[in-house]
Amino acid sequence: MATTSVDTEQFRLRAFVESLIDQGEVEIHDELVPLTKMAGHLDGNEKAVLFRKAGSEGMEVVGNLLGNRARIGLAFGMDRADAPEEISRRIRTKQPVVEIASDAAPVHEVVLTGDQADLTSLPVHLQHEMDGGPYISASIDYAHDPDTGLANAGIRRMMLRGATEAGVDLTAPSDLQVILRKFQEKGERLPVSYVVGSHPIDLLSASLRLPDDGMELLASLRAAPLAVVRGVTNDVLVPADAEYVLEGYLDPAGWTEEEGPFGEFLGYYGVMRPNPVFCLTAITKRRDALFQTATISGASLVNTDAANVGTILTEVAVWEALRTAVREPVAVCATASSGGIFNTRVAIRQRVPGEARNAIAAVLGSVADTKNVFVVDEDVDVTSDAQMDWALATRFQPDRDLVVQNGFRAIPVDPSLEGALTGAKVGFDLTLPFGQRHRVDMTVSVPPTFDDTPARFQTVEDALADGTKSFAELVSALGSDDGREVVLALDVLRHEGRLARQNDGRYVLSDSSQ
């Protein structure tokens, strides 16, 4: 076993929460908060929420950690707008994964087995009114593919069924589903460990749909060496700096027990369905472990962990698709209010005619689950609802700029599908006609700006003799801080029949060659 020293505190969840506290991003409850009251504090909250005394045991719980766009950028130490490109860069840069001994792993400071390993001892709360029970919602599952030996990581909810059992949502196509079926065919248990309490980068890494080894991918996204430790009751490797680990296995019976309903990431309930059962064999944790819960659903998706994680995953996939589709992609924004996946905005700097349509085709055909894509020019802020609404209102003609296609792979939880297995997608070309942005009627109006440079001409006539000028250019040329004298001078020239206007509104002397 390697003994290379790896920092096990740099990417600790608690360290990230403390950094958010310093920046005023955390709502703190020092009083005892019953588990039944936690959801009310979390729902729609723009801030992360830290409960110092959650439940009757007074345990520490943090929730809604990534409930806004900015905090995802903070997780990577940069502006949110730069995160998608940075993630793409990091994916291509390998970092070492180092296995360390159990006694060196912070997450093994406390080990609970036998009767002490009890899921109901954890501060797990009911998140939505019609949920089938309390859910562990911020867990990352780690397992190994028996054929490839690669580590697999994913995020799946867990509904408490008792002290040692939890229903696991495993209906969507995934690598873990494939791995479980391999074990099922042999009638064997699938060893799996669930980490609860992870740095945001870990959650994002587990959400990426890439064929890489899950641990190597996590190390790459952290841009640092990763310390891992083997379980005490199974051989599954997990990040050694985690807060909690729930060790166990998935029962080989597979999809046999009812799980759900649960408030899904699109704001509606997912129905009850047969799912596999996780069986607990051990709980390991830090001595001062911080439990984590994630916000998933509710009336304000824009302030949920699930939607904001979805935004960055969608944007990474879209950036990758645009890389070869257009010359200059400028910005990408997947909206959290659409669950982080369905509505995506793209700004491009068009070099040749047709690039907006190229962008639409690339996004709709990518691995992103975008259903509606909006493409704008680089002067539109894709993070602004108001700017996007303005572009839709002024740069779009439905019979000319709408691209509709059907038969695409769809996400079953989309209620608009009404049970269909495939769905339609649409692109909105909200760009100005190529090569026409110089026209006055396609130029965005902005306030005039004047500097304090001295006058270059003594009179309006002298200024116009130098060449055509707009009214603002005349004011600047005369060094005026008023402008009304320019009006009077133009009026004199007009009455003398010596003033004309160009199509763009600039003034010109009619008896000159200007």
Protein backbone atom coordinates (compact mmCIF):
# COMPACT_ATOMS: atom_id res chain seq x y z
CA MET A 1 0.00 0.00 0.00
CA ALA A 2 1.34 3.40 -0.97
CA THR A 3 2.43 5.72 1.81
CA THR A 4 2.70 8.90 -0.26
CA SER A 5 1.49 11.86 1.76
CA VAL A 6 -1.77 13.31 0.42
CA ASP A 7 -3.65 16.24 1.95
CA THR A 8 -6.91 14.91 3.43
CA GLU A 9 -8.21 18.28 4.61
CA GLN A 10 -8.00 20.47 1.49
CA PHE A 11 -11.17 19.02 -0.05
CA ARG A 12 -13.03 18.28 3.14
CA LEU A 13 -16.72 19.30 3.11
CA ARG A 14 -16.44 21.18 6.40
CA ALA A 15 -13.55 23.27 5.06
CA PHE A 16 -15.65 24.34 2.08
CA VAL A 17 -18.63 25.19 4.31
CA GLU A 18 -16.40 27.34 6.52
CA SER A 19 -15.16 29.21 3.45
CA LEU A 20 -18.78 29.89 2.47
CA ILE A 21 -19.54 31.15 5.97
CA ASP A 22 -16.70 33.67 5.62
CA GLN A 23 -18.33 34.94 2.41
CA GLY A 24 -21.81 35.27 3.91
CA GLU A 25 -23.23 32.40 1.87
CA VAL A 26 -24.55 30.31 4.78
CA GLU A 27 -27.66 30.61 6.94
CA ILE A 28 -26.76 29.18 10.36
CA HIS A 29 -29.20 27.71 12.89
CA ASP A 30 -27.61 27.34 16.33
CA GLU A 31 -30.87 26.28 17.97
CA LEU A 32 -32.11 22.68 17.99
CA VAL A 33 -34.11 22.05 14.81
CA PRO A 34 -36.36 18.96 14.67
CA LEU A 35 -35.88 16.83 11.56
CA THR A 36 -39.48 17.57 10.57
CA LYS A 37 -38.69 21.30 10.38
CA MET A 38 -35.54 21.10 8.28
CA ALA A 39 -37.21 21.03 4.86
CA GLY A 40 -38.97 24.30 5.60
CA HIS A 41 -35.65 26.05 6.20
CA LEU A 42 -34.10 24.59 3.05
CA ASP A 43 -36.87 24.99 0.48
CA GLY A 44 -36.29 27.95 -1.84
CA ASN A 45 -33.42 29.29 0.26
CA GLU A 46 -30.82 31.23 -1.71
CA LYS A 47 -28.17 30.35 0.87
CA ALA A 48 -26.64 27.14 2.08
CA VAL A 49 -28.08 26.14 5.46
CA LEU A 50 -26.05 24.82 8.40
CA PHE A 51 -27.89 23.17 11.29
CA ARG A 52 -25.68 23.02 14.37
CA LYS A 53 -28.17 20.82 16.26
CA ALA A 54 -30.36 18.77 13.94
CA GLY A 55 -32.76 16.19 15.34
CA SER A 56 -33.00 14.93 18.90
CA GLU A 57 -29.30 13.98 18.90
CA GLY A 58 -28.28 17.54 17.94
CA MET A 59 -26.10 16.49 14.98
CA GLU A 60 -24.54 18.87 12.46
CA VAL A 61 -26.11 18.91 9.00
CA VAL A 62 -25.48 21.14 5.99
CA GLY A 63 -27.89 21.44 3.07
CA ASN A 64 -28.47 23.37 -0.15
CA LEU A 65 -24.72 23.73 -0.53
CA LEU A 66 -24.89 24.38 -4.29
CA GLY A 67 -28.25 26.14 -4.36
CA ASN A 68 -27.07 28.98 -6.61
CA ARG A 69 -24.80 29.38 -9.64
CA ALA A 70 -22.11 31.37 -7.89
CA ARG A 71 -21.30 28.69 -5.30
CA ILE A 72 -20.41 26.17 -8.01
CA GLY A 73 -17.76 28.60 -9.21
CA LEU A 74 -16.54 29.02 -5.62
CA ALA A 75 -16.05 25.25 -5.39
CA PHE A 76 -13.50 25.53 -8.19
CA GLY A 77 -12.06 28.80 -6.90
CA MET A 78 -13.16 30.83 -9.91
CA ASP A 79 -15.98 32.78 -11.50
CA ARG A 80 -18.93 30.55 -12.35
CA ALA A 81 -18.80 31.52 -16.04
CA ASP A 82 -15.30 30.02 -16.34
CA ALA A 83 -16.14 26.69 -14.68
CA PRO A 84 -17.35 24.68 -17.73
CA GLU A 85 -14.16 25.27 -19.72
CA GLU A 86 -12.03 24.64 -16.63
CA ILE A 87 -13.76 21.32 -15.99
CA SER A 88 -13.16 20.29 -19.60
CA ARG A 89 -9.50 21.17 -19.19
CA ARG A 90 -9.13 19.30 -15.90
CA ILE A 91 -10.74 16.14 -17.28
CA ARG A 92 -7.82 15.85 -19.68
CA THR A 93 -5.18 16.25 -16.95
CA LYS A 94 -4.47 13.13 -14.89
CA GLN A 95 -3.69 13.16 -11.17
CA PRO A 96 -2.51 10.29 -8.93
CA VAL A 97 -4.92 8.18 -6.86
CA VAL A 98 -3.20 6.94 -3.69
CA GLU A 99 -4.57 4.21 -1.42
CA ILE A 100 -3.79 4.87 2.23
CA ALA A 101 -4.09 2.72 5.36
CA SER A 102 -7.27 2.67 7.40
CA ASP A 103 -5.61 4.24 10.43
CA ALA A 104 -4.51 7.19 8.27
CA ALA A 105 -7.96 7.86 6.81
CA PRO A 106 -10.02 10.58 8.58
CA VAL A 107 -13.26 8.86 7.55
CA HIS A 108 -12.22 5.79 9.58
CA GLU A 109 -11.76 7.72 12.84
CA VAL A 110 -15.05 6.19 14.02
CA VAL A 111 -16.14 2.72 12.87
CA LEU A 112 -19.60 1.36 13.65
CA THR A 113 -20.52 -2.25 12.85
CA GLY A 114 -23.09 -4.78 14.03
CA ASP A 115 -25.97 -3.27 15.99
CA GLN A 116 -24.17 0.09 16.09
CA ALA A 117 -24.50 0.45 12.33
CA ASP A 118 -27.97 1.98 12.16
CA LEU A 119 -29.28 4.15 9.33
CA THR A 120 -31.96 5.61 11.59
CA SER A 121 -29.25 7.03 13.86
CA LEU A 122 -28.39 9.47 11.08
CA PRO A 123 -30.14 12.90 10.77
CA VAL A 124 -32.18 11.94 7.69
CA HIS A 125 -35.28 14.09 7.19
CA LEU A 126 -38.50 14.02 5.14
CA GLN A 127 -37.93 16.40 2.23
CA HIS A 128 -41.29 16.60 0.44
CA GLU A 129 -44.84 16.10 1.67
CA MET A 130 -45.63 12.96 -0.36
CA ASP A 131 -42.20 11.29 -0.18
CA GLY A 132 -42.30 7.60 0.72
CA GLY A 133 -40.06 8.23 3.71
CA PRO A 134 -36.93 10.08 4.83
CA TYR A 135 -34.29 10.15 2.09
CA ILE A 136 -30.52 10.34 2.09
CA SER A 137 -30.18 12.68 -0.87
CA ALA A 138 -26.54 13.77 -1.02
CA SER A 139 -24.94 10.34 -1.23
CA ILE A 140 -22.32 9.23 -3.76
CA ASP A 141 -22.22 5.50 -4.45
CA TYR A 142 -18.91 3.81 -5.23
CA ALA A 143 -18.57 0.32 -6.72
CA HIS A 144 -16.22 -1.60 -9.02
CA ASP A 145 -16.95 -3.21 -12.38
CA PRO A 146 -15.88 -6.88 -12.07
CA ASP A 147 -14.94 -7.07 -15.75
CA THR A 148 -12.93 -3.88 -16.18
CA GLY A 149 -11.85 -3.28 -12.60
CA LEU A 150 -12.77 0.40 -13.02
CA ALA A 151 -14.24 2.31 -10.11
CA ASN A 152 -17.75 3.61 -10.74
CA ALA A 153 -19.31 6.61 -9.01
CA GLY A 154 -22.84 7.95 -9.18
CA ILE A 155 -25.48 9.85 -7.24
CA ARG A 156 -28.64 8.04 -6.25
CA ARG A 157 -31.20 8.73 -3.53
CA MET A 158 -31.76 6.27 -0.67
CA MET A 159 -35.14 5.82 1.05
CA LEU A 160 -34.82 4.55 4.61
CA ARG A 161 -36.59 1.19 5.10
CA GLY A 162 -35.21 0.39 8.53
CA ALA A 163 -32.02 0.30 10.55
CA THR A 164 -29.99 -1.55 7.93
CA GLU A 165 -31.97 -1.23 4.67
CA ALA A 166 -32.64 1.52 2.15
CA GLY A 167 -34.37 1.53 -1.21
CA VAL A 168 -32.09 2.77 -4.01
CA ASP A 169 -33.36 4.48 -7.16
CA LEU A 170 -31.70 2.48 -9.95
CA THR A 171 -34.20 2.63 -12.82
CA ALA A 172 -32.45 5.13 -15.08
CA PRO A 173 -29.82 3.62 -17.41
CA SER A 174 -26.43 3.77 -15.67
CA ASP A 175 -23.15 1.94 -15.27
CA LEU A 176 -24.16 0.87 -11.75
CA GLN A 177 -27.29 -0.75 -13.16
CA VAL A 178 -25.16 -2.73 -15.61
CA ILE A 179 -22.74 -3.75 -12.85
CA LEU A 180 -25.57 -4.92 -10.59
CA ARG A 181 -27.02 -7.09 -13.35
CA LYS A 182 -23.62 -8.77 -13.75
CA PHE A 183 -23.65 -9.73 -10.06
CA GLN A 184 -27.31 -10.74 -10.28
CA GLU A 185 -26.54 -13.21 -13.04
CA LYS A 186 -24.15 -14.95 -10.67
CA GLY A 187 -26.52 -14.65 -7.70
CA GLU A 188 -23.99 -12.53 -5.81
CA ARG A 189 -24.19 -9.40 -3.72
CA LEU A 190 -22.74 -6.21 -5.23
CA PRO A 191 -20.40 -4.53 -2.71
CA VAL A 192 -21.11 -0.80 -2.66
CA SER A 193 -20.32 2.12 -0.38
CA TYR A 194 -22.21 5.39 -0.11
CA VAL A 195 -20.33 8.55 0.85
CA VAL A 196 -22.41 11.21 2.59
CA GLY A 197 -20.64 14.50 3.12
CA SER A 198 -18.46 15.40 0.14
CA HIS A 199 -16.84 18.44 -1.41
CA PRO A 200 -18.96 19.85 -4.27
CA ILE A 201 -16.34 18.78 -6.80
CA ASP A 202 -16.93 15.16 -5.74
CA LEU A 203 -20.67 15.50 -6.38
CA LEU A 204 -20.05 16.98 -9.81
CA SER A 205 -17.53 14.29 -10.68
CA ALA A 206 -19.98 11.51 -9.74
CA SER A 207 -22.61 13.11 -11.96
CA LEU A 208 -20.51 13.20 -15.13
CA ARG A 209 -21.41 10.51 -17.67
CA LEU A 210 -17.91 9.57 -18.77
CA PRO A 211 -16.37 6.10 -19.29
CA ASP A 212 -13.36 6.94 -17.09
CA ASP A 213 -12.40 5.33 -13.80
CA GLY A 214 -14.46 7.19 -11.19
CA MET A 215 -11.55 7.77 -8.80
CA GLU A 216 -9.19 8.95 -11.52
CA LEU A 217 -11.86 11.33 -12.80
CA LEU A 218 -12.37 12.75 -9.31
CA ALA A 219 -8.64 13.32 -8.87
CA SER A 220 -8.54 15.10 -12.23
CA LEU A 221 -11.43 17.40 -11.32
CA ARG A 222 -9.86 18.22 -7.98
CA ALA A 223 -6.61 18.97 -9.83
CA ALA A 224 -4.80 17.30 -6.93
CA PRO A 225 -3.77 13.82 -5.76
CA LEU A 226 -6.65 11.82 -4.25
CA ALA A 227 -6.30 9.67 -1.13
CA VAL A 228 -8.61 6.63 -1.06
CA VAL A 229 -9.20 3.99 1.57
CA ARG A 230 -10.59 0.45 1.42
CA GLY A 231 -13.79 -0.35 3.34
CA VAL A 232 -13.74 -2.13 6.71
CA THR A 233 -16.49 -4.58 5.68
CA ASN A 234 -16.04 -4.57 1.91
CA ASP A 235 -13.19 -3.90 -0.53
CA VAL A 236 -14.72 -0.79 -2.09
CA LEU A 237 -12.39 2.20 -2.30
CA VAL A 238 -13.76 5.60 -1.25
CA PRO A 239 -12.25 9.09 -0.79
CA ALA A 240 -10.45 9.01 2.56
CA ASP A 241 -11.40 12.61 3.34
CA ALA A 242 -15.18 12.00 3.34
CA GLU A 243 -17.40 12.83 6.32
CA TYR A 244 -19.47 9.60 6.43
CA VAL A 245 -19.34 6.28 4.56
CA LEU A 246 -22.19 3.77 4.54
CA GLU A 247 -20.71 0.38 3.63
CA GLY A 248 -22.76 -2.56 2.44
CA TYR A 249 -24.11 -4.28 -0.61
CA LEU A 250 -27.00 -4.31 -3.05
CA ASP A 251 -29.17 -7.37 -2.59
CA PRO A 252 -28.98 -9.73 -5.58
CA ALA A 253 -32.81 -9.89 -5.68
CA GLY A 254 -32.58 -6.63 -7.60
CA TRP A 255 -35.69 -4.69 -8.60
CA THR A 256 -38.17 -6.18 -6.16
CA GLU A 257 -39.09 -3.63 -3.46
CA GLU A 258 -41.24 -0.53 -3.88
CA GLU A 259 -39.35 2.78 -3.58
CA GLY A 260 -40.82 6.29 -3.75
CA PRO A 261 -42.63 8.56 -4.37
CA PHE A 262 -40.00 11.29 -4.21
CA GLY A 263 -39.88 14.95 -5.26
CA GLU A 264 -37.83 14.90 -8.47
CA PHE A 265 -35.47 17.53 -9.88
CA LEU A 266 -38.10 18.89 -12.31
CA GLY A 267 -40.39 19.95 -9.46
CA TYR A 268 -42.86 17.06 -9.70
CA TYR A 269 -43.01 13.74 -7.86
CA GLY A 270 -41.45 10.62 -9.26
CA VAL A 271 -43.84 7.70 -8.86
CA MET A 272 -43.33 4.64 -6.70
CA ARG A 273 -41.55 1.80 -8.56
CA PRO A 274 -39.68 -1.46 -7.84
CA ASN A 275 -36.03 -0.88 -7.00
CA PRO A 276 -33.05 -2.68 -5.43
CA VAL A 277 -32.32 -2.65 -1.70
CA PHE A 278 -29.09 -1.51 -0.09
CA CYS A 279 -28.08 -3.52 2.99
CA LEU A 280 -25.85 -1.75 5.53
CA THR A 281 -22.83 -3.50 7.09
CA ALA A 282 -20.90 -0.55 8.58
CA ILE A 283 -20.88 3.20 9.14
CA THR A 284 -17.52 4.96 9.24
CA LYS A 285 -17.08 8.65 9.86
CA ARG A 286 -14.89 11.47 11.11
CA ARG A 287 -15.03 12.27 14.84
CA ASP A 288 -16.58 15.68 14.04
CA ALA A 289 -18.49 14.43 10.98
CA LEU A 290 -20.76 16.84 9.09
CA PHE A 291 -23.82 15.19 7.54
CA GLN A 292 -25.06 16.49 4.20
CA THR A 293 -28.49 16.73 2.61
CA ALA A 294 -29.28 17.97 -0.88
CA THR A 295 -32.24 20.03 -2.10
CA ILE A 296 -33.88 18.31 -5.06
CA SER A 297 -37.37 19.57 -5.79
CA GLY A 298 -39.86 22.23 -4.70
CA ALA A 299 -41.44 25.33 -6.16
CA SER A 300 -38.11 27.16 -6.61
CA LEU A 301 -35.85 24.87 -8.64
CA VAL A 302 -33.42 27.73 -9.23
CA ASN A 303 -32.32 27.40 -5.60
CA THR A 304 -31.80 23.64 -5.44
CA ASP A 305 -28.61 21.60 -5.42
CA ALA A 306 -29.93 19.23 -8.07
CA ALA A 307 -30.79 21.92 -10.62
CA ASN A 308 -27.53 23.81 -10.17
CA VAL A 309 -25.46 20.65 -10.46
CA GLY A 310 -27.47 19.95 -13.62
CA THR A 311 -26.53 23.34 -15.05
CA ILE A 312 -22.79 22.77 -14.87
CA LEU A 313 -23.05 19.22 -16.23
CA THR A 314 -25.14 20.43 -19.16
CA GLU A 315 -22.79 23.32 -19.84
CA VAL A 316 -19.73 21.06 -19.87
CA ALA A 317 -21.42 18.75 -22.39
CA VAL A 318 -22.51 21.70 -24.53
CA TRP A 319 -19.03 23.25 -24.51
CA GLU A 320 -17.62 19.96 -25.74
CA ALA A 321 -20.22 19.82 -28.53
CA LEU A 322 -19.61 23.42 -29.61
CA ARG A 323 -15.85 22.97 -29.71
CA THR A 324 -15.95 21.69 -33.31
CA ALA A 325 -19.36 23.04 -34.40
CA VAL A 326 -18.64 26.79 -34.38
CA ARG A 327 -15.52 28.91 -34.50
CA GLU A 328 -16.15 31.13 -31.49
CA PRO A 329 -18.52 30.01 -28.75
CA VAL A 330 -18.63 32.81 -26.19
CA ALA A 331 -20.84 31.69 -23.32
CA VAL A 332 -23.18 28.89 -22.26
CA CYS A 333 -25.90 28.91 -19.62
CA ALA A 334 -28.22 26.05 -18.72
CA THR A 335 -31.05 27.44 -16.61
CA ALA A 336 -31.59 26.06 -13.13
CA SER A 337 -35.30 26.83 -13.41
CA SER A 338 -35.55 24.15 -16.12
CA GLY A 339 -34.02 21.56 -13.82
CA GLY A 340 -30.57 22.49 -15.04
CA ILE A 341 -30.90 20.50 -18.26
CA PHE A 342 -33.87 21.31 -20.50
CA ASN A 343 -33.31 24.98 -21.46
CA THR A 344 -29.83 25.96 -22.63
CA ARG A 345 -28.62 29.34 -23.85
CA VAL A 346 -25.58 29.74 -26.10
CA ALA A 347 -23.82 32.94 -27.16
CA ILE A 348 -21.55 32.83 -30.21
CA ARG A 349 -19.53 35.28 -32.28
CA GLN A 350 -20.57 34.44 -35.83
CA ARG A 351 -17.75 34.26 -38.36
CA VAL A 352 -19.74 32.92 -41.32
CA PRO A 353 -23.46 32.60 -42.17
CA GLY A 354 -25.18 29.56 -40.67
CA GLU A 355 -23.15 29.18 -37.49
CA ALA A 356 -26.20 29.75 -35.30
CA ARG A 357 -27.86 26.73 -36.94
CA ASN A 358 -24.64 24.74 -36.49
CA ALA A 359 -24.74 25.56 -32.79
CA ILE A 360 -28.38 24.48 -32.52
CA ALA A 361 -27.67 21.15 -34.24
CA ALA A 362 -24.60 20.50 -32.11
CA VAL A 363 -26.37 21.11 -28.82
CA LEU A 364 -29.50 19.11 -29.66
CA GLY A 365 -27.39 16.19 -30.86
CA SER A 366 -24.97 16.19 -27.92
CA VAL A 367 -24.99 14.05 -24.78
CA ALA A 368 -26.61 16.96 -22.97
CA ASP A 369 -30.32 16.47 -22.30
CA THR A 370 -31.22 19.92 -23.62
CA LYS A 371 -34.75 20.09 -25.04
CA ASN A 372 -34.83 23.79 -25.95
CA VAL A 373 -31.72 25.67 -27.09
CA PHE A 374 -31.52 29.43 -27.60
CA VAL A 375 -28.60 30.84 -29.62
CA VAL A 376 -27.74 34.55 -29.36
CA ASP A 377 -25.02 36.95 -30.45
CA GLU A 378 -22.11 37.75 -28.15
CA ASP A 379 -23.67 41.04 -27.01
CA VAL A 380 -26.45 39.21 -25.14
CA ASP A 381 -25.86 38.10 -21.53
CA VAL A 382 -27.00 34.47 -21.46
CA THR A 383 -27.34 34.52 -17.66
CA SER A 384 -29.89 37.35 -17.82
CA ASP A 385 -33.57 36.41 -18.21
CA ALA A 386 -34.31 40.00 -19.25
CA GLN A 387 -31.64 40.04 -21.97
CA MET A 388 -32.77 36.68 -23.32
CA ASP A 389 -36.40 37.82 -23.36
CA TRP A 390 -35.33 40.94 -25.26
CA ALA A 391 -33.44 38.86 -27.84
CA LEU A 392 -36.45 36.57 -28.29
CA ALA A 393 -38.71 39.58 -28.76
CA THR A 394 -36.54 41.51 -31.23
CA ARG A 395 -34.36 39.03 -33.14
CA PHE A 396 -36.66 36.08 -33.73
CA GLN A 397 -39.25 35.30 -36.38
CA PRO A 398 -41.06 31.98 -35.77
CA ASP A 399 -41.45 31.07 -39.46
CA ARG A 400 -37.77 31.74 -40.14
CA ASP A 401 -35.79 31.09 -36.96
CA LEU A 402 -37.39 28.02 -35.38
CA VAL A 403 -35.79 24.58 -35.78
CA VAL A 404 -37.95 21.64 -34.65
CA GLN A 405 -36.95 17.97 -34.74
CA ASN A 406 -38.48 14.86 -33.19
CA GLY A 407 -37.55 11.30 -32.26
CA PHE A 408 -34.82 12.23 -29.76
CA ARG A 409 -33.85 10.25 -26.66
CA ALA A 410 -35.82 11.68 -23.74
CA ILE A 411 -35.77 11.66 -19.94
CA PRO A 412 -38.75 9.62 -18.68
CA VAL A 413 -39.44 11.93 -15.71
CA ASP A 414 -40.38 14.75 -18.13
CA PRO A 415 -44.18 14.87 -17.55
CA SER A 416 -44.79 16.50 -20.95
CA LEU A 417 -43.83 13.20 -22.64
CA GLU A 418 -47.01 11.60 -21.30
CA GLY A 419 -45.32 8.21 -21.32
CA ALA A 420 -43.60 8.45 -24.72
CA LEU A 421 -40.08 7.01 -24.99
CA THR A 422 -38.79 9.70 -27.36
CA GLY A 423 -39.49 13.40 -27.66
CA ALA A 424 -39.09 16.53 -29.75
CA LYS A 425 -36.44 19.23 -29.44
CA VAL A 426 -36.37 22.81 -30.66
CA GLY A 427 -33.80 25.46 -31.46
CA PHE A 428 -34.40 29.22 -31.38
CA ASP A 429 -32.09 31.29 -33.57
CA LEU A 430 -32.06 34.64 -31.76
CA THR A 431 -29.12 36.10 -33.67
CA LEU A 432 -29.18 39.17 -35.87
CA PRO A 433 -28.97 38.53 -39.64
CA PHE A 434 -25.35 37.82 -40.50
CA GLY A 435 -23.47 40.89 -41.77
CA GLN A 436 -26.28 43.32 -40.92
CA ARG A 437 -25.25 44.48 -37.47
CA HIS A 438 -23.87 47.76 -38.88
CA ARG A 439 -27.41 48.92 -39.70
CA VAL A 440 -28.84 51.58 -37.41
CA ASP A 441 -32.01 49.60 -36.83
CA MET A 442 -29.90 46.64 -35.63
CA THR A 443 -27.52 48.64 -33.47
CA VAL A 444 -28.13 48.45 -29.74
CA SER A 445 -28.66 51.90 -28.26
CA VAL A 446 -26.44 52.91 -25.35
CA PRO A 447 -25.88 56.16 -23.41
CA PRO A 448 -23.35 58.59 -24.94
CA THR A 449 -19.91 58.85 -23.39
CA PHE A 450 -17.79 62.02 -23.50
CA ASP A 451 -14.24 62.49 -22.32
CA ASP A 452 -12.53 65.71 -21.24
CA THR A 453 -10.32 66.13 -24.30
CA PRO A 454 -10.02 69.75 -25.55
CA ALA A 455 -12.01 71.00 -28.53
CA ARG A 456 -10.64 69.97 -31.91
CA PHE A 457 -12.75 72.53 -33.86
CA GLN A 458 -14.02 76.00 -33.15
CA THR A 459 -17.34 75.71 -35.01
CA VAL A 460 -19.83 73.05 -36.11
CA GLU A 461 -19.13 74.02 -39.73
CA ASP A 462 -15.41 73.37 -39.24
CA ALA A 463 -16.17 70.02 -37.63
CA LEU A 464 -18.42 68.95 -40.53
CA ALA A 465 -15.88 70.13 -43.07
CA ASP A 466 -13.61 67.49 -41.54
CA GLY A 467 -16.18 64.77 -42.31
CA THR A 468 -19.64 63.45 -41.46
CA LYS A 469 -20.46 63.26 -37.78
CA SER A 470 -23.25 62.22 -35.46
CA PHE A 471 -24.64 64.72 -32.99
CA ALA A 472 -22.59 63.18 -30.18
CA GLU A 473 -19.45 63.35 -32.31
CA LEU A 474 -20.10 67.04 -32.96
CA VAL A 475 -20.50 67.72 -29.24
CA SER A 476 -17.24 65.93 -28.54
CA ALA A 477 -15.42 67.66 -31.43
CA LEU A 478 -16.34 71.07 -30.01
CA GLY A 479 -15.40 70.04 -26.46
CA SER A 480 -18.91 70.97 -25.32
CA ASP A 481 -20.35 69.84 -22.00
CA ASP A 482 -23.80 71.07 -23.01
CA GLY A 483 -24.78 70.42 -26.63
CA ARG A 484 -27.50 73.01 -27.04
CA GLU A 485 -25.20 75.38 -28.92
CA VAL A 486 -24.68 72.57 -31.44
CA VAL A 487 -28.45 72.45 -32.02
CA LEU A 488 -28.48 76.19 -32.80
CA ALA A 489 -25.47 75.96 -35.13
CA LEU A 490 -27.05 73.06 -37.05
CA ASP A 491 -30.25 75.06 -37.35
CA VAL A 492 -28.36 77.94 -38.99
CA LEU A 493 -26.75 75.59 -41.52
CA ARG A 494 -30.13 73.99 -42.21
CA HIS A 495 -31.78 77.32 -42.97
CA GLU A 496 -28.88 78.22 -45.23
CA GLY A 497 -29.55 75.02 -47.17
CA ARG A 498 -26.08 73.73 -46.38
CA LEU A 499 -27.00 70.75 -44.11
CA ALA A 500 -27.95 67.22 -45.04
CA ARG A 501 -28.33 63.87 -43.26
CA GLN A 502 -27.06 60.42 -44.10
CA ASN A 503 -29.14 57.25 -43.71
CA ASP A 504 -27.44 56.50 -40.41
CA GLY A 505 -28.39 59.91 -39.05
CA ARG A 506 -24.97 61.56 -39.33
CA TYR A 507 -24.80 65.21 -40.38
CA VAL A 508 -22.99 66.32 -43.53
CA LEU A 509 -22.39 69.66 -45.27
CA SER A 510 -24.45 69.56 -48.47
CA ASP A 511 -22.00 71.73 -50.37
CA SER A 512 -19.02 69.52 -49.53
CA SER A 513 -17.79 66.18 -50.78
CA GLN A 514 -18.24 64.65 -47.36
